[in-house]
Amino acid sequence: MSLTVTRSRVKEKCGISDTSYDTTIDNLILEIVPVLEYLVSSDALADSTTGVQATLNLAATEVVCGELLAQRFRELGVTDTITIGDIKIDPAEIKTAFELIQRGYDRLSPFLKNDAYEDASRVGVGTGSEEAS
């Protein structure tokens, strides 16, 4: 079974009610979900237990949501307050986006391949705990 992240769920979690971010969300899903599937053990992906699948899908959704918020923050011209849908984020609170990404990876951690940390470093996905070289 593969991970399932839907545009509608990302929009719901990010408080987006219009269609202005649909393409961005779709692109992030296409980019991030296969990387996460690569890092998760095949046993976990094959586990049909509702709780396991729900945990994996929630984690993947959180990572996509956090990346969406972080990507928006990096856009040129963003200065005082960021508005995404109905949510306004003060730049002082941007850490929330990165905390959301971290929470997603934390949820995934029990299901990662044994060598996923090394794989994550190789593909540019990290848990935030590694030091910059």
N, C-alpha and C. Protein backbone atom coordinates (compact mmCIF):
# COMPACT_ATOMS: atom_id res chain seq x y z
N MET A 1 0.85 -1.17 0.00
CA MET A 1 0.00 0.00 0.00
C MET A 1 0.90 1.24 0.00
N SER A 2 0.47 2.26 -0.63
CA SER A 2 1.26 3.49 -0.67
C SER A 2 0.65 4.54 0.26
N LEU A 3 1.43 5.57 0.52
CA LEU A 3 0.95 6.67 1.35
C LEU A 3 -0.08 7.49 0.58
N THR A 4 -1.06 7.99 1.29
CA THR A 4 -2.10 8.80 0.66
C THR A 4 -2.12 10.18 1.29
N VAL A 5 -1.84 11.17 0.47
CA VAL A 5 -1.95 12.58 0.88
C VAL A 5 -2.82 13.24 -0.18
N THR A 6 -3.88 13.88 0.25
CA THR A 6 -4.78 14.52 -0.71
C THR A 6 -4.71 16.04 -0.58
N ARG A 7 -4.96 16.68 -1.69
CA ARG A 7 -4.99 18.15 -1.73
C ARG A 7 -6.03 18.66 -0.74
N SER A 8 -7.20 18.03 -0.71
CA SER A 8 -8.27 18.52 0.16
C SER A 8 -7.87 18.45 1.64
N ARG A 9 -7.15 17.41 2.02
CA ARG A 9 -6.72 17.28 3.42
C ARG A 9 -5.65 18.33 3.75
N VAL A 10 -4.72 18.57 2.82
CA VAL A 10 -3.69 19.59 3.03
C VAL A 10 -4.34 20.96 3.17
N LYS A 11 -5.29 21.25 2.29
CA LYS A 11 -5.98 22.54 2.36
C LYS A 11 -6.73 22.68 3.68
N GLU A 12 -7.36 21.62 4.13
CA GLU A 12 -8.10 21.65 5.38
C GLU A 12 -7.16 21.93 6.56
N LYS A 13 -6.04 21.21 6.62
CA LYS A 13 -5.10 21.38 7.73
C LYS A 13 -4.42 22.75 7.70
N CYS A 14 -4.26 23.33 6.51
CA CYS A 14 -3.61 24.64 6.39
C CYS A 14 -4.61 25.78 6.38
N GLY A 15 -5.90 25.48 6.44
CA GLY A 15 -6.92 26.52 6.47
C GLY A 15 -7.07 27.25 5.15
N ILE A 16 -6.89 26.54 4.05
CA ILE A 16 -7.01 27.15 2.73
C ILE A 16 -8.38 26.81 2.15
N SER A 17 -9.12 27.84 1.76
CA SER A 17 -10.46 27.58 1.23
C SER A 17 -10.60 27.89 -0.25
N ASP A 18 -9.59 28.57 -0.83
CA ASP A 18 -9.68 28.88 -2.26
C ASP A 18 -8.77 27.94 -3.06
N THR A 19 -8.66 28.19 -4.35
CA THR A 19 -7.90 27.29 -5.22
C THR A 19 -6.52 27.82 -5.59
N SER A 20 -6.11 28.92 -4.99
CA SER A 20 -4.85 29.56 -5.40
C SER A 20 -3.61 28.72 -5.15
N TYR A 21 -3.67 27.77 -4.24
CA TYR A 21 -2.50 26.94 -3.93
C TYR A 21 -2.63 25.50 -4.43
N ASP A 22 -3.67 25.22 -5.21
CA ASP A 22 -3.90 23.84 -5.65
C ASP A 22 -2.71 23.25 -6.41
N THR A 23 -2.17 23.98 -7.36
CA THR A 23 -1.04 23.47 -8.15
C THR A 23 0.18 23.27 -7.26
N THR A 24 0.45 24.21 -6.38
CA THR A 24 1.59 24.09 -5.46
C THR A 24 1.44 22.87 -4.58
N ILE A 25 0.25 22.67 -4.04
CA ILE A 25 -0.01 21.51 -3.18
C ILE A 25 0.17 20.22 -3.97
N ASP A 26 -0.40 20.15 -5.17
CA ASP A 26 -0.26 18.95 -6.00
C ASP A 26 1.21 18.66 -6.28
N ASN A 27 1.99 19.70 -6.60
CA ASN A 27 3.41 19.51 -6.88
C ASN A 27 4.17 19.02 -5.65
N LEU A 28 3.86 19.57 -4.50
CA LEU A 28 4.51 19.12 -3.27
C LEU A 28 4.17 17.66 -2.96
N ILE A 29 2.92 17.29 -3.16
CA ILE A 29 2.52 15.89 -2.94
C ILE A 29 3.31 14.97 -3.87
N LEU A 30 3.38 15.34 -5.15
CA LEU A 30 4.12 14.52 -6.12
C LEU A 30 5.61 14.45 -5.81
N GLU A 31 6.14 15.48 -5.23
CA GLU A 31 7.57 15.54 -4.91
C GLU A 31 7.91 14.83 -3.60
N ILE A 32 7.12 15.05 -2.57
CA ILE A 32 7.48 14.59 -1.22
C ILE A 32 7.04 13.16 -0.92
N VAL A 33 5.84 12.79 -1.32
CA VAL A 33 5.30 11.48 -0.95
C VAL A 33 6.18 10.32 -1.43
N PRO A 34 6.68 10.32 -2.67
CA PRO A 34 7.56 9.21 -3.07
C PRO A 34 8.84 9.12 -2.24
N VAL A 35 9.36 10.26 -1.81
CA VAL A 35 10.56 10.25 -0.96
C VAL A 35 10.23 9.61 0.39
N LEU A 36 9.09 9.98 0.96
CA LEU A 36 8.68 9.39 2.23
C LEU A 36 8.43 7.89 2.09
N GLU A 37 7.80 7.49 1.00
CA GLU A 37 7.57 6.06 0.76
C GLU A 37 8.88 5.30 0.67
N TYR A 38 9.89 5.91 0.08
CA TYR A 38 11.21 5.29 -0.04
C TYR A 38 11.84 5.08 1.33
N LEU A 39 11.60 6.02 2.26
CA LEU A 39 12.21 5.95 3.58
C LEU A 39 11.50 4.98 4.53
N VAL A 40 10.21 4.75 4.29
CA VAL A 40 9.41 3.88 5.17
C VAL A 40 9.64 2.42 4.77
N SER A 41 9.72 1.56 5.77
CA SER A 41 9.95 0.14 5.49
C SER A 41 8.78 -0.45 4.70
N SER A 42 9.10 -1.42 3.85
CA SER A 42 8.04 -2.05 3.05
C SER A 42 7.05 -2.79 3.93
N ASP A 43 7.50 -3.29 5.08
CA ASP A 43 6.58 -3.96 6.01
C ASP A 43 5.53 -2.97 6.52
N ALA A 44 5.96 -1.77 6.85
CA ALA A 44 5.00 -0.76 7.34
C ALA A 44 4.04 -0.34 6.24
N LEU A 45 4.57 -0.17 5.02
CA LEU A 45 3.69 0.22 3.91
C LEU A 45 2.69 -0.89 3.59
N ALA A 46 3.10 -2.14 3.78
CA ALA A 46 2.22 -3.27 3.48
C ALA A 46 1.24 -3.56 4.61
N ASP A 47 1.49 -3.03 5.79
CA ASP A 47 0.64 -3.27 6.96
C ASP A 47 -0.73 -2.64 6.70
N SER A 48 -1.76 -3.47 6.72
CA SER A 48 -3.10 -2.96 6.43
C SER A 48 -3.85 -2.53 7.69
N THR A 49 -3.16 -2.56 8.83
CA THR A 49 -3.78 -2.13 10.06
C THR A 49 -4.19 -0.66 9.94
N THR A 50 -5.42 -0.38 10.28
CA THR A 50 -5.96 0.96 10.14
C THR A 50 -5.11 2.00 10.86
N GLY A 51 -4.69 1.70 12.07
CA GLY A 51 -3.89 2.64 12.85
C GLY A 51 -2.55 2.95 12.21
N VAL A 52 -1.90 1.93 11.66
CA VAL A 52 -0.61 2.13 11.01
C VAL A 52 -0.78 3.01 9.77
N GLN A 53 -1.75 2.68 8.93
CA GLN A 53 -1.98 3.46 7.72
C GLN A 53 -2.37 4.90 8.06
N ALA A 54 -3.21 5.06 9.08
CA ALA A 54 -3.63 6.41 9.48
C ALA A 54 -2.43 7.22 9.98
N THR A 55 -1.55 6.59 10.73
CA THR A 55 -0.36 7.27 11.25
C THR A 55 0.57 7.68 10.11
N LEU A 56 0.81 6.76 9.18
CA LEU A 56 1.69 7.06 8.05
C LEU A 56 1.11 8.18 7.18
N ASN A 57 -0.18 8.11 6.91
CA ASN A 57 -0.81 9.14 6.07
C ASN A 57 -0.84 10.50 6.77
N LEU A 58 -1.10 10.51 8.07
CA LEU A 58 -1.08 11.76 8.82
C LEU A 58 0.33 12.35 8.81
N ALA A 59 1.32 11.53 9.03
CA ALA A 59 2.71 12.01 9.03
C ALA A 59 3.08 12.62 7.68
N ALA A 60 2.74 11.93 6.62
CA ALA A 60 3.04 12.44 5.27
C ALA A 60 2.30 13.74 5.01
N THR A 61 1.07 13.83 5.45
CA THR A 61 0.28 15.05 5.28
C THR A 61 0.90 16.20 6.06
N GLU A 62 1.36 15.93 7.27
CA GLU A 62 1.99 16.98 8.07
C GLU A 62 3.26 17.49 7.40
N VAL A 63 4.04 16.60 6.83
CA VAL A 63 5.27 17.02 6.15
C VAL A 63 4.91 17.91 4.96
N VAL A 64 3.93 17.51 4.17
CA VAL A 64 3.52 18.31 3.01
C VAL A 64 2.98 19.67 3.48
N CYS A 65 2.16 19.69 4.51
CA CYS A 65 1.62 20.95 5.03
C CYS A 65 2.74 21.87 5.51
N GLY A 66 3.67 21.32 6.25
CA GLY A 66 4.79 22.12 6.74
C GLY A 66 5.62 22.68 5.60
N GLU A 67 5.86 21.86 4.59
CA GLU A 67 6.61 22.32 3.41
C GLU A 67 5.87 23.42 2.67
N LEU A 68 4.54 23.30 2.58
CA LEU A 68 3.74 24.34 1.93
C LEU A 68 3.89 25.66 2.67
N LEU A 69 3.75 25.63 3.99
CA LEU A 69 3.87 26.84 4.79
C LEU A 69 5.29 27.41 4.70
N ALA A 70 6.30 26.56 4.76
CA ALA A 70 7.69 27.02 4.67
C ALA A 70 7.99 27.59 3.29
N GLN A 71 7.47 26.95 2.26
CA GLN A 71 7.69 27.44 0.89
C GLN A 71 7.07 28.82 0.72
N ARG A 72 5.90 29.00 1.23
CA ARG A 72 5.23 30.29 1.14
C ARG A 72 6.05 31.36 1.86
N PHE A 73 6.63 31.00 2.98
CA PHE A 73 7.42 31.94 3.75
C PHE A 73 8.67 32.39 2.98
N ARG A 74 9.21 31.50 2.14
CA ARG A 74 10.43 31.82 1.39
C ARG A 74 10.18 32.65 0.14
N GLU A 75 8.93 32.89 -0.22
CA GLU A 75 8.63 33.67 -1.42
C GLU A 75 9.10 35.10 -1.26
N LEU A 76 9.61 35.67 -2.33
CA LEU A 76 10.06 37.05 -2.31
C LEU A 76 8.89 37.97 -2.01
N GLY A 77 9.16 39.02 -1.27
CA GLY A 77 8.13 40.00 -0.97
C GLY A 77 7.37 39.72 0.31
N VAL A 78 7.59 38.58 0.90
CA VAL A 78 6.91 38.28 2.16
C VAL A 78 7.68 39.01 3.26
N THR A 79 6.99 39.89 3.96
CA THR A 79 7.69 40.67 4.97
C THR A 79 7.06 40.51 6.34
N ASP A 80 5.95 41.17 6.57
CA ASP A 80 5.41 41.21 7.92
C ASP A 80 4.57 40.00 8.28
N THR A 81 3.51 39.79 7.55
CA THR A 81 2.59 38.71 7.86
C THR A 81 2.33 37.90 6.61
N ILE A 82 2.29 36.59 6.78
CA ILE A 82 2.02 35.69 5.67
C ILE A 82 0.56 35.28 5.76
N THR A 83 -0.13 35.32 4.64
CA THR A 83 -1.51 34.88 4.61
C THR A 83 -1.63 33.71 3.65
N ILE A 84 -2.10 32.59 4.18
CA ILE A 84 -2.37 31.41 3.36
C ILE A 84 -3.80 31.03 3.65
N GLY A 85 -4.65 31.18 2.66
CA GLY A 85 -6.06 30.92 2.89
C GLY A 85 -6.58 31.84 3.98
N ASP A 86 -7.14 31.25 5.02
CA ASP A 86 -7.69 32.02 6.12
C ASP A 86 -6.72 32.17 7.29
N ILE A 87 -5.51 31.64 7.14
CA ILE A 87 -4.54 31.66 8.22
C ILE A 87 -3.55 32.79 8.01
N LYS A 88 -3.30 33.55 9.06
CA LYS A 88 -2.26 34.59 9.03
C LYS A 88 -1.15 34.13 9.96
N ILE A 89 0.08 34.14 9.43
CA ILE A 89 1.22 33.70 10.22
C ILE A 89 2.19 34.85 10.36
N ASP A 90 2.50 35.18 11.57
CA ASP A 90 3.52 36.19 11.85
C ASP A 90 4.88 35.53 11.64
N PRO A 91 5.84 36.22 11.01
CA PRO A 91 7.16 35.61 10.79
C PRO A 91 7.79 35.05 12.05
N ALA A 92 7.46 35.62 13.20
CA ALA A 92 7.99 35.09 14.45
C ALA A 92 7.46 33.69 14.72
N GLU A 93 6.35 33.33 14.08
CA GLU A 93 5.73 32.01 14.29
C GLU A 93 6.06 31.04 13.16
N ILE A 94 6.98 31.40 12.25
CA ILE A 94 7.26 30.53 11.12
C ILE A 94 7.84 29.20 11.58
N LYS A 95 8.40 29.16 12.76
CA LYS A 95 8.91 27.89 13.27
C LYS A 95 7.81 26.83 13.30
N THR A 96 6.56 27.26 13.33
CA THR A 96 5.44 26.33 13.30
C THR A 96 5.49 25.43 12.07
N ALA A 97 5.86 25.99 10.92
CA ALA A 97 5.96 25.19 9.70
C ALA A 97 7.00 24.10 9.86
N PHE A 98 8.13 24.46 10.42
CA PHE A 98 9.21 23.49 10.58
C PHE A 98 8.90 22.50 11.69
N GLU A 99 8.17 22.94 12.70
CA GLU A 99 7.73 22.01 13.74
C GLU A 99 6.74 21.00 13.17
N LEU A 100 5.91 21.43 12.24
CA LEU A 100 4.96 20.53 11.59
C LEU A 100 5.70 19.48 10.77
N ILE A 101 6.72 19.90 10.05
CA ILE A 101 7.54 18.95 9.29
C ILE A 101 8.19 17.96 10.25
N GLN A 102 8.77 18.47 11.33
CA GLN A 102 9.44 17.62 12.31
C GLN A 102 8.46 16.63 12.93
N ARG A 103 7.25 17.10 13.25
CA ARG A 103 6.25 16.21 13.84
C ARG A 103 5.91 15.08 12.88
N GLY A 104 5.82 15.40 11.58
CA GLY A 104 5.57 14.36 10.59
C GLY A 104 6.68 13.32 10.57
N TYR A 105 7.93 13.77 10.58
CA TYR A 105 9.05 12.82 10.59
C TYR A 105 9.11 12.04 11.90
N ASP A 106 8.75 12.69 13.01
CA ASP A 106 8.72 11.98 14.29
C ASP A 106 7.68 10.86 14.25
N ARG A 107 6.53 11.11 13.64
CA ARG A 107 5.50 10.07 13.52
C ARG A 107 5.98 8.92 12.64
N LEU A 108 6.76 9.26 11.60
CA LEU A 108 7.26 8.24 10.68
C LEU A 108 8.40 7.42 11.28
N SER A 109 9.13 7.98 12.23
CA SER A 109 10.37 7.36 12.70
C SER A 109 10.26 5.89 13.11
N PRO A 110 9.18 5.43 13.77
CA PRO A 110 9.13 4.00 14.10
C PRO A 110 8.98 3.08 12.89
N PHE A 111 8.62 3.66 11.75
CA PHE A 111 8.33 2.86 10.57
C PHE A 111 9.41 2.96 9.50
N LEU A 112 10.49 3.68 9.80
CA LEU A 112 11.54 3.86 8.81
C LEU A 112 12.38 2.61 8.63
N LYS A 113 12.95 2.48 7.45
CA LYS A 113 13.90 1.40 7.19
C LYS A 113 15.05 1.54 8.18
N ASN A 114 15.76 0.46 8.43
CA ASN A 114 16.88 0.50 9.36
C ASN A 114 17.94 1.51 8.93
N ASP A 115 18.15 1.65 7.64
CA ASP A 115 19.18 2.56 7.14
C ASP A 115 18.58 3.87 6.63
N ALA A 116 17.38 4.19 7.07
CA ALA A 116 16.68 5.37 6.53
C ALA A 116 17.40 6.67 6.87
N TYR A 117 18.07 6.71 8.01
CA TYR A 117 18.77 7.95 8.35
C TYR A 117 19.85 8.24 7.33
N GLU A 118 20.60 7.20 6.95
CA GLU A 118 21.62 7.38 5.91
C GLU A 118 20.96 7.71 4.58
N ASP A 119 19.87 7.02 4.25
CA ASP A 119 19.15 7.30 3.01
C ASP A 119 18.63 8.73 3.00
N ALA A 120 18.09 9.18 4.14
CA ALA A 120 17.54 10.53 4.22
C ALA A 120 18.63 11.57 3.95
N SER A 121 19.81 11.34 4.48
CA SER A 121 20.91 12.27 4.23
C SER A 121 21.27 12.30 2.75
N ARG A 122 21.21 11.14 2.11
CA ARG A 122 21.58 11.05 0.71
C ARG A 122 20.56 11.75 -0.18
N VAL A 123 19.28 11.71 0.16
CA VAL A 123 18.26 12.32 -0.69
C VAL A 123 17.86 13.71 -0.22
N GLY A 124 18.55 14.20 0.82
CA GLY A 124 18.31 15.57 1.25
C GLY A 124 17.13 15.74 2.18
N VAL A 125 16.71 14.66 2.82
CA VAL A 125 15.63 14.74 3.79
C VAL A 125 16.25 14.49 5.14
N GLY A 126 16.00 15.35 6.08
CA GLY A 126 16.59 15.17 7.39
C GLY A 126 15.59 15.40 8.48
N THR A 127 15.98 15.01 9.66
CA THR A 127 15.10 15.17 10.81
C THR A 127 15.38 16.45 11.56
N GLY A 128 16.36 17.20 11.06
CA GLY A 128 16.69 18.46 11.72
C GLY A 128 17.72 18.32 12.81
N SER A 129 18.11 17.09 13.15
CA SER A 129 19.06 16.88 14.22
C SER A 129 20.49 16.73 13.75
N GLU A 130 20.68 16.59 12.43
CA GLU A 130 22.04 16.43 11.94
C GLU A 130 22.73 17.78 11.84
N GLU A 131 24.05 17.75 11.96
CA GLU A 131 24.83 18.99 11.88
C GLU A 131 25.14 19.29 10.44
N ALA A 132 25.23 20.58 10.14
CA ALA A 132 25.60 21.00 8.78
C ALA A 132 27.08 20.71 8.57
N SER A 133 27.42 20.25 7.36
CA SER A 133 28.82 19.98 7.10
C SER A 133 29.49 21.15 6.46
